Amino acid sequence: MSGVWVFRNGVIRLVENPASAEKVLVYMPTGEIISSYSSLERILTGLGWERYYDDPTLFQFHKSRSIDLISLPKDFSKLRSVHMYDIVVKNPDKFRVQDM
């Protein structure tokens, strides 16, 4: 068994690969690490995405003349790698996901 033992909220657990536990979304043209929805919204708007307000429980973007929809949890702290990869797939050559 290799990894790091983490003690949190009274529970101890083994994290097998701690380097991959935390991911960040990076805007490749500037190298900016996306740390809030305001910075993500600014960049996506510049790339032609529009904020979509259909579901108040989600933070969503739609690109006109496209069927693409990016749906993210309302709370930025709940943003996970699956959401980040969704942004990467829909914006090739603009974003990447990397280890923190």
PDB file of N, CA and C in Angstrom:
ATOM      1  N   MET A   1       0.832  -1.181   0.000  1.00  0.00           N
ATOM      2  CA  MET A   1       0.000   0.000   0.000  1.00  0.00           C
ATOM      3  C   MET A   1       0.879   1.247   0.000  1.00  0.00           C
ATOM      4  N   SER A   2       0.697   2.053  -1.030  1.00  0.00           N
ATOM      5  CA  SER A   2       1.409   3.326  -1.058  1.00  0.00           C
ATOM      6  C   SER A   2       0.394   4.448  -1.127  1.00  0.00           C
ATOM      7  N   GLY A   3       0.778   5.586  -0.637  1.00  0.00           N
ATOM      8  CA  GLY A   3      -0.119   6.723  -0.641  1.00  0.00           C
ATOM      9  C   GLY A   3       0.085   7.550   0.610  1.00  0.00           C
ATOM     10  N   VAL A   4      -0.910   8.351   0.902  1.00  0.00           N
ATOM     11  CA  VAL A   4      -0.858   9.235   2.053  1.00  0.00           C
ATOM     12  C   VAL A   4      -2.092   9.002   2.913  1.00  0.00           C
ATOM     13  N   TRP A   5      -1.862   8.892   4.221  1.00  0.00           N
ATOM     14  CA  TRP A   5      -2.975   8.762   5.140  1.00  0.00           C
ATOM     15  C   TRP A   5      -3.497  10.160   5.467  1.00  0.00           C
ATOM     16  N   VAL A   6      -4.814  10.349   5.313  1.00  0.00           N
ATOM     17  CA  VAL A   6      -5.446  11.646   5.544  1.00  0.00           C
ATOM     18  C   VAL A   6      -6.439  11.506   6.681  1.00  0.00           C
ATOM     19  N   PHE A   7      -6.325  12.398   7.672  1.00  0.00           N
ATOM     20  CA  PHE A   7      -7.257  12.423   8.793  1.00  0.00           C
ATOM     21  C   PHE A   7      -8.134  13.645   8.632  1.00  0.00           C
ATOM     22  N   ARG A   8      -9.457  13.428   8.431  1.00  0.00           N
ATOM     23  CA  ARG A   8     -10.382  14.542   8.221  1.00  0.00           C
ATOM     24  C   ARG A   8     -11.744  14.185   8.837  1.00  0.00           C
ATOM     25  N   ASN A   9     -12.272  15.114   9.619  1.00  0.00           N
ATOM     26  CA  ASN A   9     -13.586  14.940  10.251  1.00  0.00           C
ATOM     27  C   ASN A   9     -13.669  13.666  11.096  1.00  0.00           C
ATOM     28  N   GLY A  10     -12.601  13.364  11.794  1.00  0.00           N
ATOM     29  CA  GLY A  10     -12.598  12.207  12.681  1.00  0.00           C
ATOM     30  C   GLY A  10     -12.424  10.870  11.979  1.00  0.00           C
ATOM     31  N   VAL A  11     -12.145  10.892  10.684  1.00  0.00           N
ATOM     32  CA  VAL A  11     -11.992   9.656   9.909  1.00  0.00           C
ATOM     33  C   VAL A  11     -10.622   9.672   9.243  1.00  0.00           C
ATOM     34  N   ILE A  12      -9.950   8.522   9.317  1.00  0.00           N
ATOM     35  CA  ILE A  12      -8.663   8.397   8.654  1.00  0.00           C
ATOM     36  C   ILE A  12      -8.841   7.497   7.441  1.00  0.00           C
ATOM     37  N   ARG A  13      -8.238   7.911   6.320  1.00  0.00           N
ATOM     38  CA  ARG A  13      -8.349   7.093   5.105  1.00  0.00           C
ATOM     39  C   ARG A  13      -7.057   7.217   4.309  1.00  0.00           C
ATOM     40  N   LEU A  14      -6.810   6.226   3.477  1.00  0.00           N
ATOM     41  CA  LEU A  14      -5.625   6.203   2.632  1.00  0.00           C
ATOM     42  C   LEU A  14      -5.964   6.794   1.272  1.00  0.00           C
ATOM     43  N   VAL A  15      -5.221   7.827   0.881  1.00  0.00           N
ATOM     44  CA  VAL A  15      -5.349   8.398  -0.455  1.00  0.00           C
ATOM     45  C   VAL A  15      -4.230   7.789  -1.272  1.00  0.00           C
ATOM     46  N   GLU A  16      -4.590   6.917  -2.221  1.00  0.00           N
ATOM     47  CA  GLU A  16      -3.610   6.131  -2.967  1.00  0.00           C
ATOM     48  C   GLU A  16      -2.713   6.983  -3.862  1.00  0.00           C
ATOM     49  N   ASN A  17      -3.283   7.967  -4.526  1.00  0.00           N
ATOM     50  CA  ASN A  17      -2.498   8.803  -5.428  1.00  0.00           C
ATOM     51  C   ASN A  17      -2.839  10.261  -5.128  1.00  0.00           C
ATOM     52  N   PRO A  18      -2.226  10.846  -4.114  1.00  0.00           N
ATOM     53  CA  PRO A  18      -2.603  12.184  -3.697  1.00  0.00           C
ATOM     54  C   PRO A  18      -2.387  13.254  -4.763  1.00  0.00           C
ATOM     55  N   ALA A  19      -1.486  13.026  -5.702  1.00  0.00           N
ATOM     56  CA  ALA A  19      -1.238  14.029  -6.743  1.00  0.00           C
ATOM     57  C   ALA A  19      -2.448  14.204  -7.646  1.00  0.00           C
ATOM     58  N   SER A  20      -3.216  13.147  -7.851  1.00  0.00           N
ATOM     59  CA  SER A  20      -4.358  13.249  -8.748  1.00  0.00           C
ATOM     60  C   SER A  20      -5.653  13.581  -8.004  1.00  0.00           C
ATOM     61  N   ALA A  21      -5.572  13.743  -6.708  1.00  0.00           N
ATOM     62  CA  ALA A  21      -6.775  14.028  -5.933  1.00  0.00           C
ATOM     63  C   ALA A  21      -7.345  15.408  -6.230  1.00  0.00           C
ATOM     64  N   GLU A  22      -6.488  16.386  -6.453  1.00  0.00           N
ATOM     65  CA  GLU A  22      -6.927  17.756  -6.717  1.00  0.00           C
ATOM     66  C   GLU A  22      -6.593  18.133  -8.161  1.00  0.00           C
ATOM     67  N   LYS A  23      -7.589  18.597  -8.890  1.00  0.00           N
ATOM     68  CA  LYS A  23      -7.401  19.041 -10.268  1.00  0.00           C
ATOM     69  C   LYS A  23      -7.768  20.512 -10.370  1.00  0.00           C
ATOM     70  N   VAL A  24      -7.178  21.188 -11.333  1.00  0.00           N
ATOM     71  CA  VAL A  24      -7.518  22.580 -11.606  1.00  0.00           C
ATOM     72  C   VAL A  24      -7.754  22.739 -13.102  1.00  0.00           C
ATOM     73  N   LEU A  25      -8.589  23.721 -13.437  1.00  0.00           N
ATOM     74  CA  LEU A  25      -8.871  24.057 -14.821  1.00  0.00           C
ATOM     75  C   LEU A  25      -7.987  25.238 -15.199  1.00  0.00           C
ATOM     76  N   VAL A  26      -7.267  25.116 -16.307  1.00  0.00           N
ATOM     77  CA  VAL A  26      -6.334  26.150 -16.736  1.00  0.00           C
ATOM     78  C   VAL A  26      -6.751  26.674 -18.108  1.00  0.00           C
ATOM     79  N   TYR A  27      -6.811  28.010 -18.228  1.00  0.00           N
ATOM     80  CA  TYR A  27      -7.050  28.656 -19.515  1.00  0.00           C
ATOM     81  C   TYR A  27      -5.700  28.770 -20.212  1.00  0.00           C
ATOM     82  N   MET A  28      -5.506  27.988 -21.259  1.00  0.00           N
ATOM     83  CA  MET A  28      -4.187  27.824 -21.865  1.00  0.00           C
ATOM     84  C   MET A  28      -3.592  29.084 -22.495  1.00  0.00           C
ATOM     85  N   PRO A  29      -4.351  29.940 -23.170  1.00  0.00           N
ATOM     86  CA  PRO A  29      -3.715  31.120 -23.780  1.00  0.00           C
ATOM     87  C   PRO A  29      -2.983  32.029 -22.787  1.00  0.00           C
ATOM     88  N   THR A  30      -3.471  32.087 -21.530  1.00  0.00           N
ATOM     89  CA  THR A  30      -2.824  32.959 -20.548  1.00  0.00           C
ATOM     90  C   THR A  30      -2.183  32.200 -19.396  1.00  0.00           C
ATOM     91  N   GLY A  31      -2.486  30.907 -19.273  1.00  0.00           N
ATOM     92  CA  GLY A  31      -1.984  30.123 -18.154  1.00  0.00           C
ATOM     93  C   GLY A  31      -2.757  30.366 -16.861  1.00  0.00           C
ATOM     94  N   GLU A  32      -3.876  31.080 -16.948  1.00  0.00           N
ATOM     95  CA  GLU A  32      -4.676  31.410 -15.757  1.00  0.00           C
ATOM     96  C   GLU A  32      -5.374  30.175 -15.198  1.00  0.00           C
ATOM     97  N   ILE A  33      -5.231  29.970 -13.890  1.00  0.00           N
ATOM     98  CA  ILE A  33      -5.966  28.915 -13.208  1.00  0.00           C
ATOM     99  C   ILE A  33      -7.336  29.481 -12.854  1.00  0.00           C
ATOM    100  N   ILE A  34      -8.381  28.795 -13.268  1.00  0.00           N
ATOM    101  CA  ILE A  34      -9.742  29.260 -13.022  1.00  0.00           C
ATOM    102  C   ILE A  34     -10.080  28.990 -11.559  1.00  0.00           C
ATOM    103  N   SER A  35     -10.290  30.070 -10.810  1.00  0.00           N
ATOM    104  CA  SER A  35     -10.534  29.930  -9.374  1.00  0.00           C
ATOM    105  C   SER A  35     -11.899  30.435  -8.943  1.00  0.00           C
ATOM    106  N   SER A  36     -12.708  30.885  -9.898  1.00  0.00           N
ATOM    107  CA  SER A  36     -14.055  31.364  -9.563  1.00  0.00           C
ATOM    108  C   SER A  36     -14.922  31.339 -10.812  1.00  0.00           C
ATOM    109  N   TYR A  37     -16.237  31.374 -10.593  1.00  0.00           N
ATOM    110  CA  TYR A  37     -17.141  31.422 -11.735  1.00  0.00           C
ATOM    111  C   TYR A  37     -17.062  32.764 -12.452  1.00  0.00           C
ATOM    112  N   SER A  38     -16.709  33.828 -11.758  1.00  0.00           N
ATOM    113  CA  SER A  38     -16.602  35.128 -12.438  1.00  0.00           C
ATOM    114  C   SER A  38     -15.480  35.105 -13.474  1.00  0.00           C
ATOM    115  N   SER A  39     -14.332  34.506 -13.148  1.00  0.00           N
ATOM    116  CA  SER A  39     -13.246  34.428 -14.132  1.00  0.00           C
ATOM    117  C   SER A  39     -13.612  33.462 -15.262  1.00  0.00           C
ATOM    118  N   LEU A  40     -14.282  32.358 -14.944  1.00  0.00           N
ATOM    119  CA  LEU A  40     -14.705  31.422 -15.984  1.00  0.00           C
ATOM    120  C   LEU A  40     -15.726  32.073 -16.906  1.00  0.00           C
ATOM    121  N   GLU A  41     -16.686  32.796 -16.328  1.00  0.00           N
ATOM    122  CA  GLU A  41     -17.713  33.462 -17.138  1.00  0.00           C
ATOM    123  C   GLU A  41     -17.081  34.500 -18.070  1.00  0.00           C
ATOM    124  N   ARG A  42     -16.123  35.262 -17.578  1.00  0.00           N
ATOM    125  CA  ARG A  42     -15.436  36.268 -18.391  1.00  0.00           C
ATOM    126  C   ARG A  42     -14.771  35.619 -19.604  1.00  0.00           C
ATOM    127  N   ILE A  43     -14.096  34.502 -19.381  1.00  0.00           N
ATOM    128  CA  ILE A  43     -13.386  33.819 -20.470  1.00  0.00           C
ATOM    129  C   ILE A  43     -14.363  33.177 -21.445  1.00  0.00           C
ATOM    130  N   LEU A  44     -15.361  32.456 -20.911  1.00  0.00           N
ATOM    131  CA  LEU A  44     -16.319  31.793 -21.794  1.00  0.00           C
ATOM    132  C   LEU A  44     -17.105  32.799 -22.626  1.00  0.00           C
ATOM    133  N   THR A  45     -17.456  33.937 -22.033  1.00  0.00           N
ATOM    134  CA  THR A  45     -18.163  34.980 -22.779  1.00  0.00           C
ATOM    135  C   THR A  45     -17.296  35.472 -23.938  1.00  0.00           C
ATOM    136  N   GLY A  46     -16.026  35.627 -23.687  1.00  0.00           N
ATOM    137  CA  GLY A  46     -15.090  36.028 -24.744  1.00  0.00           C
ATOM    138  C   GLY A  46     -14.944  34.997 -25.845  1.00  0.00           C
ATOM    139  N   LEU A  47     -15.257  33.742 -25.529  1.00  0.00           N
ATOM    140  CA  LEU A  47     -15.179  32.663 -26.521  1.00  0.00           C
ATOM    141  C   LEU A  47     -16.514  32.422 -27.223  1.00  0.00           C
ATOM    142  N   GLY A  48     -17.500  33.281 -26.933  1.00  0.00           N
ATOM    143  CA  GLY A  48     -18.792  33.163 -27.616  1.00  0.00           C
ATOM    144  C   GLY A  48     -19.880  32.425 -26.857  1.00  0.00           C
ATOM    145  N   TRP A  49     -19.626  32.057 -25.622  1.00  0.00           N
ATOM    146  CA  TRP A  49     -20.627  31.389 -24.807  1.00  0.00           C
ATOM    147  C   TRP A  49     -21.515  32.436 -24.129  1.00  0.00           C
ATOM    148  N   GLU A  50     -22.767  32.085 -23.942  1.00  0.00           N
ATOM    149  CA  GLU A  50     -23.722  32.967 -23.273  1.00  0.00           C
ATOM    150  C   GLU A  50     -24.231  32.285 -22.021  1.00  0.00           C
ATOM    151  N   ARG A  51     -24.448  33.058 -20.983  1.00  0.00           N
ATOM    152  CA  ARG A  51     -24.999  32.518 -19.736  1.00  0.00           C
ATOM    153  C   ARG A  51     -26.431  32.084 -19.998  1.00  0.00           C
ATOM    154  N   TYR A  52     -26.793  30.940 -19.469  1.00  0.00           N
ATOM    155  CA  TYR A  52     -28.105  30.326 -19.669  1.00  0.00           C
ATOM    156  C   TYR A  52     -28.751  30.217 -18.299  1.00  0.00           C
ATOM    157  N   TYR A  53     -29.937  30.802 -18.137  1.00  0.00           N
ATOM    158  CA  TYR A  53     -30.570  30.907 -16.815  1.00  0.00           C
ATOM    159  C   TYR A  53     -31.776  29.991 -16.650  1.00  0.00           C
ATOM    160  N   ASP A  54     -31.854  28.912 -17.388  1.00  0.00           N
ATOM    161  CA  ASP A  54     -33.028  28.037 -17.351  1.00  0.00           C
ATOM    162  C   ASP A  54     -33.209  27.321 -16.015  1.00  0.00           C
ATOM    163  N   ASP A  55     -32.126  26.898 -15.392  1.00  0.00           N
ATOM    164  CA  ASP A  55     -32.200  26.134 -14.135  1.00  0.00           C
ATOM    165  C   ASP A  55     -31.463  26.906 -13.040  1.00  0.00           C
ATOM    166  N   PRO A  56     -32.187  27.399 -12.023  1.00  0.00           N
ATOM    167  CA  PRO A  56     -31.535  28.195 -10.975  1.00  0.00           C
ATOM    168  C   PRO A  56     -30.587  27.398 -10.072  1.00  0.00           C
ATOM    169  N   THR A  57     -30.608  26.075 -10.158  1.00  0.00           N
ATOM    170  CA  THR A  57     -29.721  25.263  -9.326  1.00  0.00           C
ATOM    171  C   THR A  57     -28.376  25.000 -10.006  1.00  0.00           C
ATOM    172  N   LEU A  58     -28.249  25.454 -11.260  1.00  0.00           N
ATOM    173  CA  LEU A  58     -27.021  25.218 -12.017  1.00  0.00           C
ATOM    174  C   LEU A  58     -26.462  26.525 -12.566  1.00  0.00           C
ATOM    175  N   PHE A  59     -25.188  26.508 -12.864  1.00  0.00           N
ATOM    176  CA  PHE A  59     -24.493  27.602 -13.537  1.00  0.00           C
ATOM    177  C   PHE A  59     -24.258  27.085 -14.948  1.00  0.00           C
ATOM    178  N   GLN A  60     -24.973  27.650 -15.950  1.00  0.00           N
ATOM    179  CA  GLN A  60     -24.944  27.073 -17.291  1.00  0.00           C
ATOM    180  C   GLN A  60     -24.537  28.085 -18.353  1.00  0.00           C
ATOM    181  N   PHE A  61     -23.940  27.536 -19.428  1.00  0.00           N
ATOM    182  CA  PHE A  61     -23.555  28.330 -20.587  1.00  0.00           C
ATOM    183  C   PHE A  61     -23.996  27.617 -21.851  1.00  0.00           C
ATOM    184  N   HIS A  62     -24.424  28.404 -22.829  1.00  0.00           N
ATOM    185  CA  HIS A  62     -24.852  27.885 -24.117  1.00  0.00           C
ATOM    186  C   HIS A  62     -24.140  28.669 -25.208  1.00  0.00           C
ATOM    187  N   LYS A  63     -23.768  27.980 -26.259  1.00  0.00           N
ATOM    188  CA  LYS A  63     -23.134  28.648 -27.388  1.00  0.00           C
ATOM    189  C   LYS A  63     -24.162  28.749 -28.511  1.00  0.00           C
ATOM    190  N   SER A  64     -24.385  29.962 -29.001  1.00  0.00           N
ATOM    191  CA  SER A  64     -25.374  30.142 -30.059  1.00  0.00           C
ATOM    192  C   SER A  64     -24.960  29.353 -31.304  1.00  0.00           C
ATOM    193  N   ARG A  65     -25.966  28.918 -32.026  1.00  0.00           N
ATOM    194  CA  ARG A  65     -25.771  28.086 -33.222  1.00  0.00           C
ATOM    195  C   ARG A  65     -25.082  26.766 -32.905  1.00  0.00           C
ATOM    196  N   SER A  66     -25.341  26.274 -31.714  1.00  0.00           N
ATOM    197  CA  SER A  66     -24.742  25.008 -31.283  1.00  0.00           C
ATOM    198  C   SER A  66     -25.706  24.312 -30.331  1.00  0.00           C
ATOM    199  N   ILE A  67     -25.583  23.007 -30.223  1.00  0.00           N
ATOM    200  CA  ILE A  67     -26.399  22.279 -29.250  1.00  0.00           C
ATOM    201  C   ILE A  67     -25.660  22.115 -27.920  1.00  0.00           C
ATOM    202  N   ASP A  68     -24.425  22.619 -27.856  1.00  0.00           N
ATOM    203  CA  ASP A  68     -23.607  22.455 -26.654  1.00  0.00           C
ATOM    204  C   ASP A  68     -24.154  23.255 -25.475  1.00  0.00           C
ATOM    205  N   LEU A  69     -24.154  22.624 -24.325  1.00  0.00           N
ATOM    206  CA  LEU A  69     -24.555  23.253 -23.075  1.00  0.00           C
ATOM    207  C   LEU A  69     -23.573  22.814 -21.999  1.00  0.00           C
ATOM    208  N   ILE A  70     -23.007  23.752 -21.292  1.00  0.00           N
ATOM    209  CA  ILE A  70     -22.125  23.447 -20.165  1.00  0.00           C
ATOM    210  C   ILE A  70     -22.934  23.653 -18.901  1.00  0.00           C
ATOM    211  N   SER A  71     -23.102  22.610 -18.107  1.00  0.00           N
ATOM    212  CA  SER A  71     -23.859  22.682 -16.855  1.00  0.00           C
ATOM    213  C   SER A  71     -22.919  22.398 -15.695  1.00  0.00           C
ATOM    214  N   LEU A  72     -22.857  23.336 -14.768  1.00  0.00           N
ATOM    215  CA  LEU A  72     -21.950  23.245 -13.631  1.00  0.00           C
ATOM    216  C   LEU A  72     -22.731  23.408 -12.339  1.00  0.00           C
ATOM    217  N   PRO A  73     -22.234  22.858 -11.231  1.00  0.00           N
ATOM    218  CA  PRO A  73     -22.926  23.060  -9.951  1.00  0.00           C
ATOM    219  C   PRO A  73     -22.918  24.547  -9.579  1.00  0.00           C
ATOM    220  N   LYS A  74     -23.981  25.005  -8.948  1.00  0.00           N
ATOM    221  CA  LYS A  74     -24.105  26.419  -8.580  1.00  0.00           C
ATOM    222  C   LYS A  74     -22.951  26.881  -7.669  1.00  0.00           C
ATOM    223  N   ASP A  75     -22.492  25.983  -6.818  1.00  0.00           N
ATOM    224  CA  ASP A  75     -21.410  26.277  -5.875  1.00  0.00           C
ATOM    225  C   ASP A  75     -20.066  25.893  -6.503  1.00  0.00           C
ATOM    226  N   PHE A  76     -19.176  26.868  -6.707  1.00  0.00           N
ATOM    227  CA  PHE A  76     -17.886  26.614  -7.352  1.00  0.00           C
ATOM    228  C   PHE A  76     -17.063  25.562  -6.607  1.00  0.00           C
ATOM    229  N   SER A  77     -17.209  25.488  -5.293  1.00  0.00           N
ATOM    230  CA  SER A  77     -16.432  24.510  -4.518  1.00  0.00           C
ATOM    231  C   SER A  77     -16.835  23.074  -4.824  1.00  0.00           C
ATOM    232  N   LYS A  78     -17.961  22.875  -5.486  1.00  0.00           N
ATOM    233  CA  LYS A  78     -18.416  21.534  -5.868  1.00  0.00           C
ATOM    234  C   LYS A  78     -18.023  21.177  -7.302  1.00  0.00           C
ATOM    235  N   LEU A  79     -17.269  22.053  -7.955  1.00  0.00           N
ATOM    236  CA  LEU A  79     -16.787  21.790  -9.305  1.00  0.00           C
ATOM    237  C   LEU A  79     -15.779  20.645  -9.257  1.00  0.00           C
ATOM    238  N   ARG A  80     -16.018  19.609 -10.025  1.00  0.00           N
ATOM    239  CA  ARG A  80     -15.166  18.417 -10.039  1.00  0.00           C
ATOM    240  C   ARG A  80     -14.526  18.239 -11.411  1.00  0.00           C
ATOM    241  N   SER A  81     -13.617  17.315 -11.514  1.00  0.00           N
ATOM    242  CA  SER A  81     -12.898  17.106 -12.771  1.00  0.00           C
ATOM    243  C   SER A  81     -13.831  16.749 -13.923  1.00  0.00           C
ATOM    244  N   VAL A  82     -14.922  16.052 -13.665  1.00  0.00           N
ATOM    245  CA  VAL A  82     -15.860  15.715 -14.742  1.00  0.00           C
ATOM    246  C   VAL A  82     -16.440  16.982 -15.357  1.00  0.00           C
ATOM    247  N   HIS A  83     -16.701  18.005 -14.547  1.00  0.00           N
ATOM    248  CA  HIS A  83     -17.194  19.284 -15.058  1.00  0.00           C
ATOM    249  C   HIS A  83     -16.094  19.998 -15.844  1.00  0.00           C
ATOM    250  N   MET A  84     -14.873  19.931 -15.326  1.00  0.00           N
ATOM    251  CA  MET A  84     -13.746  20.580 -15.993  1.00  0.00           C
ATOM    252  C   MET A  84     -13.502  19.968 -17.369  1.00  0.00           C
ATOM    253  N   TYR A  85     -13.556  18.631 -17.443  1.00  0.00           N
ATOM    254  CA  TYR A  85     -13.338  17.971 -18.729  1.00  0.00           C
ATOM    255  C   TYR A  85     -14.451  18.293 -19.716  1.00  0.00           C
ATOM    256  N   ASP A  86     -15.654  18.535 -19.231  1.00  0.00           N
ATOM    257  CA  ASP A  86     -16.757  18.948 -20.103  1.00  0.00           C
ATOM    258  C   ASP A  86     -16.420  20.286 -20.766  1.00  0.00           C
ATOM    259  N   ILE A  87     -15.849  21.203 -19.997  1.00  0.00           N
ATOM    260  CA  ILE A  87     -15.432  22.501 -20.532  1.00  0.00           C
ATOM    261  C   ILE A  87     -14.310  22.315 -21.550  1.00  0.00           C
ATOM    262  N   VAL A  88     -13.354  21.440 -21.247  1.00  0.00           N
ATOM    263  CA  VAL A  88     -12.224  21.189 -22.145  1.00  0.00           C
ATOM    264  C   VAL A  88     -12.708  20.619 -23.477  1.00  0.00           C
ATOM    265  N   VAL A  89     -13.589  19.634 -23.432  1.00  0.00           N
ATOM    266  CA  VAL A  89     -14.082  18.989 -24.654  1.00  0.00           C
ATOM    267  C   VAL A  89     -14.831  19.987 -25.538  1.00  0.00           C
ATOM    268  N   LYS A  90     -15.560  20.898 -24.923  1.00  0.00           N
ATOM    269  CA  LYS A  90     -16.369  21.858 -25.690  1.00  0.00           C
ATOM    270  C   LYS A  90     -15.586  23.109 -26.093  1.00  0.00           C
ATOM    271  N   ASN A  91     -14.347  23.213 -25.643  1.00  0.00           N
ATOM    272  CA  ASN A  91     -13.470  24.333 -26.000  1.00  0.00           C
ATOM    273  C   ASN A  91     -12.068  23.815 -26.294  1.00  0.00           C
ATOM    274  N   PRO A  92     -11.911  23.046 -27.356  1.00  0.00           N
ATOM    275  CA  PRO A  92     -10.601  22.463 -27.637  1.00  0.00           C
ATOM    276  C   PRO A  92      -9.527  23.539 -27.808  1.00  0.00           C
ATOM    277  N   ASP A  93      -8.354  23.247 -27.339  1.00  0.00           N
ATOM    278  CA  ASP A  93      -7.188  24.133 -27.428  1.00  0.00           C
ATOM    279  C   ASP A  93      -7.298  25.409 -26.596  1.00  0.00           C
ATOM    280  N   LYS A  94      -8.301  25.502 -25.719  1.00  0.00           N
ATOM    281  CA  LYS A  94      -8.448  26.691 -24.874  1.00  0.00           C
ATOM    282  C   LYS A  94      -8.252  26.384 -23.391  1.00  0.00           C
ATOM    283  N   PHE A  95      -8.636  25.187 -22.974  1.00  0.00           N
ATOM    284  CA  PHE A  95      -8.544  24.806 -21.565  1.00  0.00           C
ATOM    285  C   PHE A  95      -7.842  23.468 -21.444  1.00  0.00           C
ATOM    286  N   ARG A  96      -7.293  23.227 -20.267  1.00  0.00           N
ATOM    287  CA  ARG A  96      -6.772  21.898 -19.920  1.00  0.00           C
ATOM    288  C   ARG A  96      -7.002  21.682 -18.432  1.00  0.00           C
ATOM    289  N   VAL A  97      -7.042  20.419 -18.036  1.00  0.00           N
ATOM    290  CA  VAL A  97      -7.168  20.037 -16.632  1.00  0.00           C
ATOM    291  C   VAL A  97      -5.813  19.493 -16.225  1.00  0.00           C
ATOM    292  N   GLN A  98      -5.311  19.972 -15.086  1.00  0.00           N
ATOM    293  CA  GLN A  98      -4.019  19.486 -14.618  1.00  0.00           C
ATOM    294  C   GLN A  98      -4.065  19.274 -13.110  1.00  0.00           C
ATOM    295  N   ASP A  99      -3.084  18.531 -12.616  1.00  0.00           N
ATOM    296  CA  ASP A  99      -2.978  18.331 -11.176  1.00  0.00           C
ATOM    297  C   ASP A  99      -2.626  19.648 -10.503  1.00  0.00           C
ATOM    298  N   MET A 100      -3.162  19.835  -9.316  1.00  0.00           N
ATOM    299  CA  MET A 100      -2.904  21.058  -8.569  1.00  0.00           C
ATOM    300  C   MET A 100      -1.483  21.095  -8.080  1.00  0.00           C
TER     301      MET A 100
END
